[in-house]
Amino acid sequence: MVKVLITGSNGQVGSCLLKQLQSCPEIEFLAVDRNKLDITSEQDVIKTVNDFLPTIIINAAAHTAVDKAENEVELSYAINRDGPKYLAQAAEKVGAAILHISTDYVFSGDKQGLYSESDSVSPQGVYGESKLAGEEAVINACPRHIILRTAWVFGEDGNNFVKTMLRLAKQRDSLDIVADQFGGPTYAGDIAAALIEIAKKITDSDNLFDTADYGIYHFSGLPHVSWCEFSQEIFNKAVEQGLLIKSPDVKGIKTEGYPTPAKRPANSTLNTNKITTVFNIPASNWQLALDDLVDYA
C-alpha cells in the first residue's frame, strides 16, 4: 500500500489533500499540522518519518506571509528552507519520494512571456528567496523529488484573495485593484488533485515511472489575468450566485498605487505544458472553481 505523509495539513492545499484522500482507499496517509510536527526540528522530522515509513512525503507546509517575511527572515528560512531540507533528507533515508510545493516568487517577474521550468530564477524578496533555498535543499537532499511551482492560490480554507474580495465587496461600493500584475489563479483543490495524481504515477508499478521525470514542474491556472480581472470575475460570479446584490465598481490601478513591504512579480504567468505532457495533468480551471462561492463566504 502507498503511504503518504502530508505536512501543512491545515493549509489551503493540505486541507484539500485530506478531503480528496478520503476517497483513495489504496492510499494510507498521515496528515500533520504544525502542532503535530514542527518541520523546523530535524529530530522531530526524523522520528515522524521513521515511525510512519512513508512511500511519499507531500510538503504543503510553508511560511506564505509575503509581507511579514521581510521582517521574519529567520522564521521564513526555518520553515521554507530548513523544514523541506529535513523532510527531503528523511525521505532519502527511508527510500521515499518527496513532493514539495514552491512558488512563482522564485522569479523576478520581469520576463516578457510565460516562465518555463528552465528559466533563470531571481527572487525579489525574502519569501521568494527562502522558497528558492527550499527548492535547492530538496534537490540536493533527495533525487526522488517533484517540485511543484504554483501561483495565486485560493481555496475554501484559509485566507486568500477570493475571500478578501467577497468580504470587501459587501463593505464598499468601489474598489481599487492592481491591474499591472498578471498570473494564473490556481485552485487549491486542483493542486491537491495534481499532487495525488503524481504520487499515484510515481508509485504505480505498472506505470513504470521514468525516474528521469523527477524534477521541477509548473502548475497554475488558465486563463492568465490581472488581479483586477480576477476580482471582476469573482464579483460577476458572486452576483450570478446571489451572494452579492451588485458588483462594486472596480478601478484598475498600477502597482505603485498599492505599496506593500514586499515586491510582487509583475509577471507570474507560468508555462504548464511540461506537467501536462509528462503526467497528463491540465492547468487549473480557476473559473470553474468559482462556481460555488458560497463555500468561500
Protein backbone atom coordinates (compact mmCIF):
# COMPACT_ATOMS: atom_id res chain seq x y z
CA MET A 1 0.00 0.00 0.00
CA VAL A 2 1.14 3.54 -0.78
CA LYS A 3 1.80 5.52 2.40
CA VAL A 4 1.72 9.32 2.20
CA LEU A 5 2.90 11.76 4.86
CA ILE A 6 1.30 15.19 4.47
CA THR A 7 2.72 18.25 6.23
CA GLY A 8 0.84 21.54 6.50
CA SER A 9 -2.47 19.67 6.68
CA ASN A 10 -4.40 22.74 7.89
CA GLY A 11 -3.34 24.96 5.00
CA GLN A 12 -5.22 25.63 1.78
CA VAL A 13 -3.67 22.74 -0.16
CA GLY A 14 -3.29 20.46 2.86
CA SER A 15 -6.99 20.69 3.68
CA CYS A 16 -7.90 19.74 0.12
CA LEU A 17 -5.46 16.82 0.19
CA LEU A 18 -7.20 15.44 3.28
CA LYS A 19 -10.64 15.70 1.69
CA GLN A 20 -9.58 14.06 -1.56
CA LEU A 21 -7.57 11.26 0.02
CA GLN A 22 -10.68 10.12 1.87
CA SER A 23 -11.82 8.63 -1.44
CA CYS A 24 -8.48 6.91 -2.15
CA PRO A 25 -8.65 3.63 -0.17
CA GLU A 26 -5.44 2.44 -1.82
CA ILE A 27 -3.51 5.22 -0.06
CA GLU A 28 -2.76 5.24 3.66
CA PHE A 29 -1.95 8.73 4.85
CA LEU A 30 -0.74 10.54 7.92
CA ALA A 31 -1.63 14.24 7.98
CA VAL A 32 0.20 16.56 10.36
CA ASP A 33 -0.05 20.27 11.05
CA ARG A 34 2.44 22.44 12.91
CA ASN A 35 1.05 21.26 16.27
CA LYS A 36 1.75 17.62 15.43
CA LEU A 37 5.05 18.08 13.61
CA ASP A 38 7.45 21.01 13.72
CA ILE A 39 9.23 20.58 10.40
CA THR A 40 11.93 23.01 11.56
CA SER A 41 13.01 20.39 14.12
CA GLU A 42 15.27 17.85 12.43
CA GLN A 43 14.81 15.32 15.22
CA ASP A 44 11.00 15.60 15.11
CA VAL A 45 11.03 15.09 11.35
CA ILE A 46 13.31 12.06 11.60
CA LYS A 47 11.13 10.46 14.30
CA THR A 48 7.86 11.02 12.40
CA VAL A 49 9.26 9.71 9.13
CA ASN A 50 10.93 6.70 10.74
CA ASP A 51 7.77 5.81 12.66
CA PHE A 52 5.41 6.07 9.67
CA LEU A 53 7.82 5.00 6.89
CA PRO A 54 6.06 6.83 4.06
CA THR A 55 6.35 6.00 0.38
CA ILE A 56 5.73 9.66 -0.46
CA ILE A 57 6.11 12.85 1.54
CA ILE A 58 3.98 15.78 0.39
CA ASN A 59 5.23 19.01 1.91
CA ALA A 60 2.37 21.51 1.90
CA ALA A 61 3.78 23.46 4.86
CA ALA A 62 5.17 26.94 4.22
CA HIS A 63 5.56 30.43 5.59
CA THR A 64 3.47 32.24 2.99
CA ALA A 65 3.01 35.67 4.61
CA VAL A 66 4.88 37.51 1.86
CA ASP A 67 4.99 40.92 3.54
CA LYS A 68 5.68 39.63 7.05
CA ALA A 69 8.56 37.60 5.65
CA GLU A 70 10.51 40.82 5.05
CA ASN A 71 10.83 41.16 8.83
CA GLU A 72 10.53 37.49 9.78
CA VAL A 73 13.62 36.39 7.91
CA GLU A 74 14.79 33.65 10.27
CA LEU A 75 11.31 32.17 10.56
CA SER A 76 10.86 32.23 6.77
CA TYR A 77 14.10 30.35 6.17
CA ALA A 78 13.41 27.90 9.01
CA ILE A 79 10.04 26.90 7.52
CA ASN A 80 10.71 27.38 3.80
CA ARG A 81 14.31 26.09 3.61
CA ASP A 82 15.25 24.05 6.68
CA GLY A 83 11.95 22.18 7.01
CA PRO A 84 11.97 20.98 3.39
CA LYS A 85 15.64 20.02 3.76
CA TYR A 86 14.93 17.85 6.82
CA LEU A 87 11.93 16.24 5.13
CA ALA A 88 13.92 15.51 1.96
CA GLN A 89 16.84 14.09 3.94
CA ALA A 90 14.47 11.87 5.90
CA ALA A 91 12.76 10.78 2.66
CA GLU A 92 16.10 9.80 1.18
CA LYS A 93 16.99 7.69 4.22
CA VAL A 94 13.78 5.63 4.03
CA GLY A 95 13.68 5.45 0.22
CA ALA A 96 10.67 7.74 -0.18
CA ALA A 97 9.98 10.41 -2.76
CA ILE A 98 9.14 13.99 -1.80
CA LEU A 99 6.61 16.29 -3.48
CA HIS A 100 7.30 19.90 -2.50
CA ILE A 101 5.18 22.97 -3.26
CA SER A 102 7.03 26.09 -4.39
CA THR A 103 6.10 29.44 -5.90
CA ASP A 104 6.21 31.87 -8.79
CA TYR A 105 8.05 34.24 -6.42
CA VAL A 106 11.34 32.49 -7.29
CA PHE A 107 11.24 34.60 -10.48
CA SER A 108 11.85 38.33 -10.82
CA GLY A 109 8.61 38.84 -12.75
CA ASP A 110 10.35 40.96 -15.37
CA LYS A 111 10.22 38.47 -18.24
CA GLN A 112 8.06 39.04 -21.29
CA GLY A 113 6.00 35.88 -21.81
CA LEU A 114 5.50 32.69 -19.83
CA TYR A 115 8.00 31.37 -17.31
CA SER A 116 9.24 27.85 -18.01
CA GLU A 117 10.86 25.50 -15.50
CA SER A 118 14.29 26.09 -17.05
CA ASP A 119 14.18 29.89 -16.84
CA SER A 120 16.65 31.70 -14.60
CA VAL A 121 15.45 32.38 -11.07
CA SER A 122 15.85 35.74 -9.35
CA PRO A 123 13.59 36.23 -6.32
CA GLN A 124 12.91 39.81 -5.27
CA GLY A 125 12.14 39.36 -1.58
CA VAL A 126 12.65 37.18 1.48
CA TYR A 127 9.68 34.94 0.74
CA GLY A 128 10.89 34.10 -2.76
CA GLU A 129 14.49 33.77 -1.60
CA SER A 130 13.56 31.36 1.19
CA LYS A 131 11.35 29.30 -1.11
CA LEU A 132 14.15 29.06 -3.68
CA ALA A 133 16.52 27.96 -0.92
CA GLY A 134 13.96 25.28 -0.06
CA GLU A 135 13.87 24.06 -3.66
CA GLU A 136 17.65 23.79 -3.71
CA ALA A 137 17.71 21.97 -0.38
CA VAL A 138 15.19 19.39 -1.58
CA ILE A 139 17.02 18.84 -4.87
CA ASN A 140 20.33 18.34 -3.08
CA ALA A 141 18.93 16.02 -0.39
CA CYS A 142 16.69 13.62 -2.35
CA PRO A 143 16.95 12.71 -6.05
CA ARG A 144 13.35 11.41 -5.95
CA HIS A 145 11.72 14.84 -5.85
CA ILE A 146 8.94 16.72 -7.59
CA ILE A 147 8.94 20.47 -7.01
CA LEU A 148 5.60 21.98 -7.94
CA ARG A 149 5.73 25.73 -8.51
CA THR A 150 2.35 27.38 -8.38
CA ALA A 151 0.82 30.85 -8.10
CA TRP A 152 -2.13 32.88 -6.81
CA VAL A 153 -3.53 30.03 -4.71
CA PHE A 154 -7.10 30.20 -3.43
CA GLY A 155 -9.49 27.74 -1.83
CA GLU A 156 -12.31 27.26 0.64
CA ASP A 157 -9.95 27.06 3.62
CA GLY A 158 -7.55 29.69 4.90
CA ASN A 159 -7.12 33.30 3.85
CA ASN A 160 -6.87 34.20 0.18
CA PHE A 161 -7.73 36.79 -2.47
CA VAL A 162 -11.17 35.36 -3.25
CA LYS A 163 -12.30 35.56 0.37
CA THR A 164 -10.86 39.05 0.75
CA MET A 165 -12.67 40.30 -2.36
CA LEU A 166 -16.00 38.84 -1.27
CA ARG A 167 -15.65 40.49 2.14
CA LEU A 168 -14.69 43.88 0.71
CA ALA A 169 -17.47 43.74 -1.89
CA LYS A 170 -20.03 43.63 0.93
CA GLN A 171 -18.44 46.64 2.60
CA ARG A 172 -17.65 49.00 -0.28
CA ASP A 173 -19.26 50.32 -3.44
CA SER A 174 -15.95 50.69 -5.27
CA LEU A 175 -12.53 49.06 -5.11
CA ASP A 176 -9.10 49.91 -6.50
CA ILE A 177 -7.40 46.70 -7.68
CA VAL A 178 -3.91 46.26 -9.14
CA ALA A 179 -4.13 45.84 -12.92
CA ASP A 180 -0.47 45.56 -13.96
CA GLN A 181 0.41 42.25 -12.28
CA PHE A 182 -0.51 39.13 -14.24
CA GLY A 183 -0.71 35.46 -13.29
CA GLY A 184 -2.76 32.30 -13.26
CA PRO A 185 -5.12 31.94 -10.30
CA THR A 186 -4.85 28.38 -9.01
CA TYR A 187 -7.50 26.46 -7.10
CA ALA A 188 -6.03 24.65 -4.08
CA GLY A 189 -8.21 21.62 -4.83
CA ASP A 190 -6.61 21.33 -8.26
CA ILE A 191 -3.13 21.48 -6.71
CA ALA A 192 -4.11 18.69 -4.33
CA ALA A 193 -5.51 16.60 -7.18
CA ALA A 194 -2.31 17.13 -9.18
CA LEU A 195 -0.15 16.04 -6.25
CA ILE A 196 -2.23 12.90 -5.69
CA GLU A 197 -2.06 12.03 -9.39
CA ILE A 198 1.72 12.45 -9.38
CA ALA A 199 2.03 10.35 -6.22
CA LYS A 200 -0.02 7.57 -7.82
CA LYS A 201 2.05 7.54 -11.00
CA ILE A 202 5.34 7.56 -9.11
CA THR A 203 4.27 4.53 -7.05
CA ASP A 204 2.32 2.59 -9.70
CA SER A 205 4.47 -0.45 -10.53
CA ASP A 206 2.51 -0.99 -13.76
CA ASN A 207 3.14 2.58 -14.86
CA LEU A 208 6.93 2.14 -14.94
CA PHE A 209 7.55 5.73 -13.88
CA ASP A 210 10.68 7.12 -15.53
CA THR A 211 12.97 8.43 -12.81
CA ALA A 212 14.23 10.99 -15.35
CA ASP A 213 10.86 12.69 -14.89
CA TYR A 214 11.66 13.75 -11.34
CA GLY A 215 12.34 17.48 -11.14
CA ILE A 216 10.62 20.86 -11.29
CA TYR A 217 7.12 21.41 -12.69
CA HIS A 218 4.87 24.43 -13.07
CA PHE A 219 1.18 24.14 -12.21
CA SER A 220 -1.21 27.08 -12.20
CA GLY A 221 -4.45 28.28 -13.71
CA LEU A 222 -5.65 29.43 -17.12
CA PRO A 223 -6.56 31.88 -18.49
CA HIS A 224 -3.92 34.29 -17.24
CA VAL A 225 -5.38 37.51 -15.88
CA SER A 226 -4.53 40.58 -13.82
CA TRP A 227 -5.62 40.89 -10.21
CA CYS A 228 -8.16 43.43 -11.42
CA GLU A 229 -9.60 41.00 -13.98
CA PHE A 230 -9.61 38.19 -11.42
CA SER A 231 -11.57 40.32 -8.95
CA GLN A 232 -14.14 41.29 -11.57
CA GLU A 233 -14.73 37.62 -12.40
CA ILE A 234 -15.20 36.88 -8.69
CA PHE A 235 -17.77 39.65 -8.38
CA ASN A 236 -19.63 38.60 -11.54
CA LYS A 237 -19.88 35.03 -10.26
CA ALA A 238 -20.97 36.23 -6.83
CA VAL A 239 -23.80 38.28 -8.35
CA GLU A 240 -24.88 35.31 -10.51
CA GLN A 241 -24.98 33.10 -7.40
CA GLY A 242 -26.90 35.64 -5.32
CA LEU A 243 -24.08 36.30 -2.87
CA LEU A 244 -23.89 39.96 -3.92
CA ILE A 245 -26.74 42.24 -4.93
CA LYS A 246 -24.42 44.06 -7.32
CA SER A 247 -20.75 44.15 -8.15
CA PRO A 248 -18.71 47.03 -6.73
CA ASP A 249 -17.17 49.39 -9.25
CA VAL A 250 -13.67 48.12 -9.97
CA LYS A 251 -10.92 50.56 -10.88
CA GLY A 252 -7.63 49.21 -12.18
CA ILE A 253 -4.56 50.83 -10.63
CA LYS A 254 -0.80 50.46 -11.04
CA THR A 255 1.34 48.60 -8.53
CA GLU A 256 2.78 51.83 -7.14
CA GLY A 257 -0.75 52.84 -6.18
CA TYR A 258 -0.87 49.96 -3.70
CA PRO A 259 2.54 49.88 -1.96
CA THR A 260 3.48 46.77 0.02
CA PRO A 261 6.58 45.85 2.07
CA ALA A 262 7.47 43.06 -0.36
CA LYS A 263 7.79 43.46 -4.11
CA ARG A 264 5.30 41.40 -6.14
CA PRO A 265 6.24 39.91 -9.53
CA ALA A 266 4.64 41.85 -12.37
CA ASN A 267 4.60 38.64 -14.40
CA SER A 268 3.62 35.43 -12.63
CA THR A 269 2.43 33.61 -15.75
CA LEU A 270 3.75 30.04 -15.69
CA ASN A 271 4.06 27.66 -18.64
CA THR A 272 2.29 24.45 -17.57
CA ASN A 273 2.96 22.38 -20.72
CA LYS A 274 5.54 20.14 -19.03
CA ILE A 275 3.22 18.75 -16.34
CA THR A 276 0.53 18.15 -18.97
CA THR A 277 2.98 16.30 -21.22
CA VAL A 278 4.59 14.14 -18.52
CA PHE A 279 1.67 13.49 -16.15
CA ASN A 280 -1.35 14.34 -18.32
CA ILE A 281 -2.41 16.96 -15.79
CA PRO A 282 -4.16 20.02 -17.30
CA ALA A 283 -3.86 23.56 -15.98
CA SER A 284 -6.12 24.55 -13.09
CA ASN A 285 -9.60 25.63 -14.16
CA TRP A 286 -9.95 28.53 -11.76
CA GLN A 287 -13.16 29.83 -13.31
CA LEU A 288 -14.89 26.52 -12.65
CA ALA A 289 -13.65 26.65 -9.05
CA LEU A 290 -15.60 29.89 -8.57
CA ASP A 291 -18.93 28.23 -9.33
CA ASP A 292 -19.62 27.53 -5.64
CA LEU A 293 -18.61 30.77 -3.97
CA VAL A 294 -20.93 30.09 -1.04
CA ASP A 295 -18.13 27.82 0.23
CA TYR A 296 -15.82 30.85 0.42
CA ALA A 297 -18.23 33.23 2.11
